[in-house]
């Protein structure tokens, strides 16, 4: 399966990416900081920011399954902007993980 993971360089995104690759999936890892992800077979790293809907649209072009690992950040509106950008891009399937209120202090 080809999976696209949004927020792939965060704690949850790194784990999702690792597990998907361990299971033999092809992964496109989308992050503002894709350089934080290791190189590897079956892994494509893409730089994009949910606050820039056009960059998300380009990153998701032709992608069918998107898993969001966006988390709570210091920037207000990130989760809403991410949801809007993903819906506008129109993938066939979206899995949206939520961990609201679990941010470490």
N, C-alpha and C. Protein backbone atom coordinates (compact mmCIF):
# COMPACT_ATOMS: atom_id res chain seq x y z
N UNK A 1 0.84 -1.17 0.00
CA UNK A 1 0.00 0.00 0.00
C UNK A 1 0.89 1.24 0.00
N UNK A 2 0.44 2.28 -0.65
CA UNK A 2 1.13 3.56 -0.65
C UNK A 2 0.45 4.46 0.37
N UNK A 3 1.19 4.89 1.38
CA UNK A 3 0.66 5.77 2.42
C UNK A 3 1.37 7.11 2.38
N UNK A 4 0.62 8.15 2.66
CA UNK A 4 1.20 9.47 2.79
C UNK A 4 0.96 9.91 4.22
N UNK A 5 2.03 10.26 4.92
CA UNK A 5 1.93 10.63 6.33
C UNK A 5 2.24 12.11 6.46
N UNK A 6 1.26 12.82 6.98
CA UNK A 6 1.36 14.26 7.19
C UNK A 6 1.84 14.51 8.62
N UNK A 7 2.84 15.37 8.78
CA UNK A 7 3.42 15.59 10.10
C UNK A 7 4.39 14.48 10.45
N UNK A 8 5.08 13.97 9.45
CA UNK A 8 5.88 12.76 9.59
C UNK A 8 7.12 12.91 10.45
N UNK A 9 7.59 14.13 10.72
CA UNK A 9 8.81 14.26 11.51
C UNK A 9 8.54 14.49 12.99
N UNK A 10 7.27 14.55 13.39
CA UNK A 10 6.93 14.67 14.80
C UNK A 10 6.97 13.30 15.48
N UNK A 11 6.76 13.28 16.77
CA UNK A 11 6.86 12.03 17.53
C UNK A 11 5.92 10.95 17.00
N UNK A 12 4.66 11.28 16.79
CA UNK A 12 3.69 10.31 16.28
C UNK A 12 3.99 9.98 14.83
N UNK A 13 4.32 10.99 14.04
CA UNK A 13 4.61 10.77 12.63
C UNK A 13 5.81 9.87 12.40
N UNK A 14 6.86 10.04 13.20
CA UNK A 14 8.04 9.17 13.07
C UNK A 14 7.65 7.72 13.35
N UNK A 15 6.85 7.51 14.38
CA UNK A 15 6.43 6.15 14.72
C UNK A 15 5.52 5.56 13.64
N UNK A 16 4.59 6.34 13.12
CA UNK A 16 3.74 5.86 12.03
C UNK A 16 4.57 5.49 10.80
N UNK A 17 5.51 6.36 10.48
CA UNK A 17 6.38 6.10 9.33
C UNK A 17 7.18 4.82 9.53
N UNK A 18 7.76 4.66 10.71
CA UNK A 18 8.55 3.45 11.01
C UNK A 18 7.70 2.19 10.88
N UNK A 19 6.51 2.22 11.48
CA UNK A 19 5.66 1.04 11.44
C UNK A 19 5.18 0.73 10.02
N UNK A 20 4.85 1.75 9.26
CA UNK A 20 4.42 1.53 7.88
C UNK A 20 5.54 0.90 7.05
N UNK A 21 6.74 1.42 7.21
CA UNK A 21 7.88 0.87 6.47
C UNK A 21 8.19 -0.55 6.92
N UNK A 22 8.12 -0.80 8.24
CA UNK A 22 8.36 -2.15 8.76
C UNK A 22 7.36 -3.16 8.19
N UNK A 23 6.18 -2.70 7.85
CA UNK A 23 5.14 -3.57 7.30
C UNK A 23 5.22 -3.67 5.77
N UNK A 24 6.22 -3.03 5.19
CA UNK A 24 6.45 -3.14 3.75
C UNK A 24 5.72 -2.13 2.89
N UNK A 25 5.11 -1.12 3.49
CA UNK A 25 4.39 -0.11 2.71
C UNK A 25 5.36 0.90 2.10
N UNK A 26 4.92 1.51 1.01
CA UNK A 26 5.61 2.65 0.43
C UNK A 26 5.10 3.87 1.18
N UNK A 27 6.00 4.76 1.60
CA UNK A 27 5.58 5.91 2.40
C UNK A 27 6.09 7.20 1.79
N UNK A 28 5.18 8.16 1.66
CA UNK A 28 5.56 9.53 1.36
C UNK A 28 5.39 10.30 2.66
N UNK A 29 6.49 10.80 3.18
CA UNK A 29 6.51 11.48 4.47
C UNK A 29 6.52 12.99 4.24
N UNK A 30 5.45 13.65 4.66
CA UNK A 30 5.33 15.10 4.47
C UNK A 30 5.60 15.80 5.79
N UNK A 31 6.48 16.79 5.73
CA UNK A 31 6.86 17.50 6.94
C UNK A 31 7.45 18.86 6.57
N UNK A 32 7.38 19.79 7.51
CA UNK A 32 8.10 21.05 7.32
C UNK A 32 9.59 20.80 7.38
N UNK A 33 9.99 19.71 8.04
CA UNK A 33 11.41 19.39 8.23
C UNK A 33 11.69 17.95 7.81
N UNK A 34 11.56 17.63 6.53
CA UNK A 34 11.76 16.24 6.10
C UNK A 34 13.20 15.76 6.30
N UNK A 35 14.14 16.69 6.43
CA UNK A 35 15.53 16.29 6.64
C UNK A 35 15.71 15.58 7.98
N UNK A 36 14.75 15.70 8.89
CA UNK A 36 14.82 15.03 10.18
C UNK A 36 14.52 13.53 10.08
N UNK A 37 13.98 13.13 8.94
CA UNK A 37 13.66 11.72 8.72
C UNK A 37 14.82 11.02 8.06
N UNK A 38 15.06 9.76 8.43
CA UNK A 38 16.18 9.03 7.82
C UNK A 38 15.87 8.68 6.37
N UNK A 39 16.91 8.52 5.58
CA UNK A 39 16.73 8.01 4.22
C UNK A 39 16.40 6.53 4.33
N UNK A 40 15.76 6.02 3.33
CA UNK A 40 15.48 4.60 3.34
C UNK A 40 14.73 4.17 2.10
N UNK A 41 14.79 2.88 1.84
CA UNK A 41 14.02 2.36 0.71
C UNK A 41 12.53 2.49 1.00
N UNK A 42 11.76 2.72 -0.01
CA UNK A 42 10.31 2.86 0.07
C UNK A 42 9.88 4.12 0.80
N UNK A 43 10.80 5.06 1.05
CA UNK A 43 10.47 6.30 1.74
C UNK A 43 10.80 7.50 0.85
N UNK A 44 9.79 8.34 0.62
CA UNK A 44 9.98 9.59 -0.10
C UNK A 44 9.69 10.71 0.87
N UNK A 45 10.63 11.61 1.03
CA UNK A 45 10.46 12.75 1.94
C UNK A 45 10.07 13.98 1.13
N UNK A 46 9.04 14.70 1.62
CA UNK A 46 8.53 15.87 0.92
C UNK A 46 8.38 17.02 1.91
N UNK A 47 8.88 18.19 1.54
CA UNK A 47 8.73 19.38 2.38
C UNK A 47 7.43 20.08 2.01
N UNK A 48 6.58 20.31 3.02
CA UNK A 48 5.34 21.07 2.83
C UNK A 48 4.87 21.53 4.20
N UNK A 49 4.04 22.56 4.20
CA UNK A 49 3.55 23.16 5.44
C UNK A 49 2.04 23.32 5.35
N UNK A 50 1.31 22.83 6.35
CA UNK A 50 -0.15 22.90 6.30
C UNK A 50 -0.67 24.34 6.29
N UNK A 51 0.16 25.28 6.72
CA UNK A 51 -0.26 26.68 6.66
C UNK A 51 -0.13 27.25 5.25
N UNK A 52 0.43 26.45 4.35
CA UNK A 52 0.55 26.80 2.93
C UNK A 52 -0.23 25.73 2.15
N UNK A 53 -1.52 25.97 1.94
CA UNK A 53 -2.39 24.96 1.32
C UNK A 53 -1.89 24.51 -0.05
N UNK A 54 -1.26 25.42 -0.80
CA UNK A 54 -0.74 25.04 -2.12
C UNK A 54 0.37 24.01 -2.00
N UNK A 55 1.24 24.15 -0.99
CA UNK A 55 2.32 23.16 -0.82
C UNK A 55 1.74 21.80 -0.46
N UNK A 56 0.66 21.78 0.31
CA UNK A 56 0.00 20.51 0.65
C UNK A 56 -0.68 19.93 -0.58
N UNK A 57 -1.34 20.76 -1.36
CA UNK A 57 -1.98 20.29 -2.60
C UNK A 57 -0.95 19.64 -3.52
N UNK A 58 0.21 20.26 -3.66
CA UNK A 58 1.26 19.69 -4.51
C UNK A 58 1.78 18.38 -3.92
N UNK A 59 1.99 18.35 -2.61
CA UNK A 59 2.52 17.15 -1.96
C UNK A 59 1.54 15.98 -2.03
N UNK A 60 0.23 16.28 -2.04
CA UNK A 60 -0.78 15.22 -2.05
C UNK A 60 -1.29 14.87 -3.44
N UNK A 61 -0.80 15.55 -4.46
CA UNK A 61 -1.25 15.27 -5.83
C UNK A 61 -1.04 13.79 -6.17
N UNK A 62 -2.11 13.14 -6.54
CA UNK A 62 -2.03 11.73 -6.93
C UNK A 62 -2.00 10.75 -5.77
N UNK A 63 -2.04 11.23 -4.55
CA UNK A 63 -2.01 10.35 -3.37
C UNK A 63 -3.43 9.94 -3.02
N UNK A 64 -3.61 8.67 -2.66
CA UNK A 64 -4.94 8.18 -2.34
C UNK A 64 -5.20 8.09 -0.84
N UNK A 65 -4.20 7.72 -0.06
CA UNK A 65 -4.40 7.50 1.37
C UNK A 65 -3.47 8.41 2.16
N UNK A 66 -4.08 9.26 2.98
CA UNK A 66 -3.33 10.19 3.81
C UNK A 66 -3.62 9.88 5.27
N UNK A 67 -2.56 9.80 6.07
CA UNK A 67 -2.69 9.63 7.51
C UNK A 67 -2.10 10.89 8.14
N UNK A 68 -2.91 11.59 8.92
CA UNK A 68 -2.43 12.80 9.56
C UNK A 68 -1.89 12.48 10.95
N UNK A 69 -0.66 12.93 11.18
CA UNK A 69 -0.05 12.82 12.50
C UNK A 69 0.23 14.21 13.05
N UNK A 70 -0.55 15.18 12.57
CA UNK A 70 -0.38 16.54 13.07
C UNK A 70 -0.71 16.57 14.55
N UNK A 71 0.08 17.30 15.30
CA UNK A 71 -0.15 17.38 16.73
C UNK A 71 -0.38 18.80 17.19
N UNK A 72 -0.52 18.94 18.46
CA UNK A 72 -0.71 20.24 19.07
C UNK A 72 0.63 20.97 19.01
N UNK A 73 0.60 22.17 18.48
CA UNK A 73 1.82 22.96 18.36
C UNK A 73 1.59 24.32 19.00
N UNK A 74 2.62 25.11 18.98
CA UNK A 74 2.50 26.46 19.49
C UNK A 74 1.73 27.38 18.55
N UNK A 75 1.65 27.02 17.30
CA UNK A 75 0.96 27.85 16.31
C UNK A 75 -0.53 27.56 16.31
N UNK A 76 -1.35 28.54 16.65
CA UNK A 76 -2.80 28.31 16.63
C UNK A 76 -3.30 28.07 15.22
N UNK A 77 -4.27 27.19 15.10
CA UNK A 77 -4.90 26.96 13.81
C UNK A 77 -4.26 25.91 12.93
N UNK A 78 -3.21 25.27 13.41
CA UNK A 78 -2.50 24.29 12.57
C UNK A 78 -3.39 23.10 12.23
N UNK A 79 -4.10 22.56 13.21
CA UNK A 79 -4.95 21.40 12.94
C UNK A 79 -6.08 21.75 11.97
N UNK A 80 -6.69 22.91 12.15
CA UNK A 80 -7.76 23.33 11.24
C UNK A 80 -7.21 23.58 9.85
N UNK A 81 -6.08 24.27 9.76
CA UNK A 81 -5.47 24.54 8.45
C UNK A 81 -5.09 23.23 7.76
N UNK A 82 -4.56 22.30 8.53
CA UNK A 82 -4.19 21.00 7.96
C UNK A 82 -5.39 20.25 7.42
N UNK A 83 -6.46 20.23 8.20
CA UNK A 83 -7.68 19.54 7.76
C UNK A 83 -8.23 20.17 6.48
N UNK A 84 -8.26 21.49 6.45
CA UNK A 84 -8.77 22.17 5.26
C UNK A 84 -7.90 21.90 4.04
N UNK A 85 -6.58 21.91 4.23
CA UNK A 85 -5.66 21.69 3.11
C UNK A 85 -5.79 20.26 2.58
N UNK A 86 -5.92 19.29 3.48
CA UNK A 86 -6.06 17.89 3.05
C UNK A 86 -7.38 17.68 2.32
N UNK A 87 -8.47 18.19 2.87
CA UNK A 87 -9.78 18.03 2.22
C UNK A 87 -9.77 18.69 0.85
N UNK A 88 -9.17 19.87 0.74
CA UNK A 88 -9.10 20.56 -0.55
C UNK A 88 -8.30 19.77 -1.57
N UNK A 89 -7.28 19.03 -1.11
CA UNK A 89 -6.46 18.23 -2.02
C UNK A 89 -7.22 17.02 -2.54
N UNK A 90 -8.22 16.55 -1.80
CA UNK A 90 -9.12 15.51 -2.28
C UNK A 90 -8.61 14.09 -2.34
N UNK A 91 -7.80 13.62 -1.38
CA UNK A 91 -7.42 12.21 -1.43
C UNK A 91 -8.64 11.31 -1.19
N UNK A 92 -8.57 10.06 -1.66
CA UNK A 92 -9.69 9.13 -1.51
C UNK A 92 -9.94 8.75 -0.06
N UNK A 93 -8.87 8.61 0.73
CA UNK A 93 -8.99 8.20 2.13
C UNK A 93 -8.14 9.09 3.02
N UNK A 94 -8.71 9.45 4.16
CA UNK A 94 -7.97 10.23 5.15
C UNK A 94 -8.18 9.58 6.51
N UNK A 95 -7.10 9.36 7.22
CA UNK A 95 -7.15 8.90 8.60
C UNK A 95 -6.58 10.04 9.43
N UNK A 96 -7.38 10.56 10.35
CA UNK A 96 -6.97 11.72 11.13
C UNK A 96 -6.83 11.32 12.59
N UNK A 97 -5.59 11.27 13.06
CA UNK A 97 -5.33 10.93 14.46
C UNK A 97 -5.48 12.16 15.32
N UNK A 98 -5.98 11.99 16.50
CA UNK A 98 -6.12 13.13 17.40
C UNK A 98 -5.48 12.85 18.74
N UNK A 99 -4.76 13.82 19.23
CA UNK A 99 -4.13 13.69 20.54
C UNK A 99 -4.22 15.02 21.27
N UNK A 100 -5.33 15.69 21.10
CA UNK A 100 -5.51 17.01 21.69
C UNK A 100 -5.32 16.94 23.20
N UNK A 101 -4.52 17.85 23.69
CA UNK A 101 -4.32 17.93 25.15
C UNK A 101 -3.22 17.05 25.68
N UNK A 102 -2.47 16.37 24.81
CA UNK A 102 -1.42 15.48 25.29
C UNK A 102 -0.03 16.07 25.19
N UNK A 103 0.05 17.31 24.77
CA UNK A 103 1.35 17.96 24.59
C UNK A 103 2.12 18.00 25.90
N UNK A 104 3.41 17.71 25.81
CA UNK A 104 4.28 17.78 26.99
C UNK A 104 4.53 19.23 27.36
N UNK A 105 4.64 19.49 28.61
CA UNK A 105 4.92 20.85 29.08
C UNK A 105 6.28 20.88 29.74
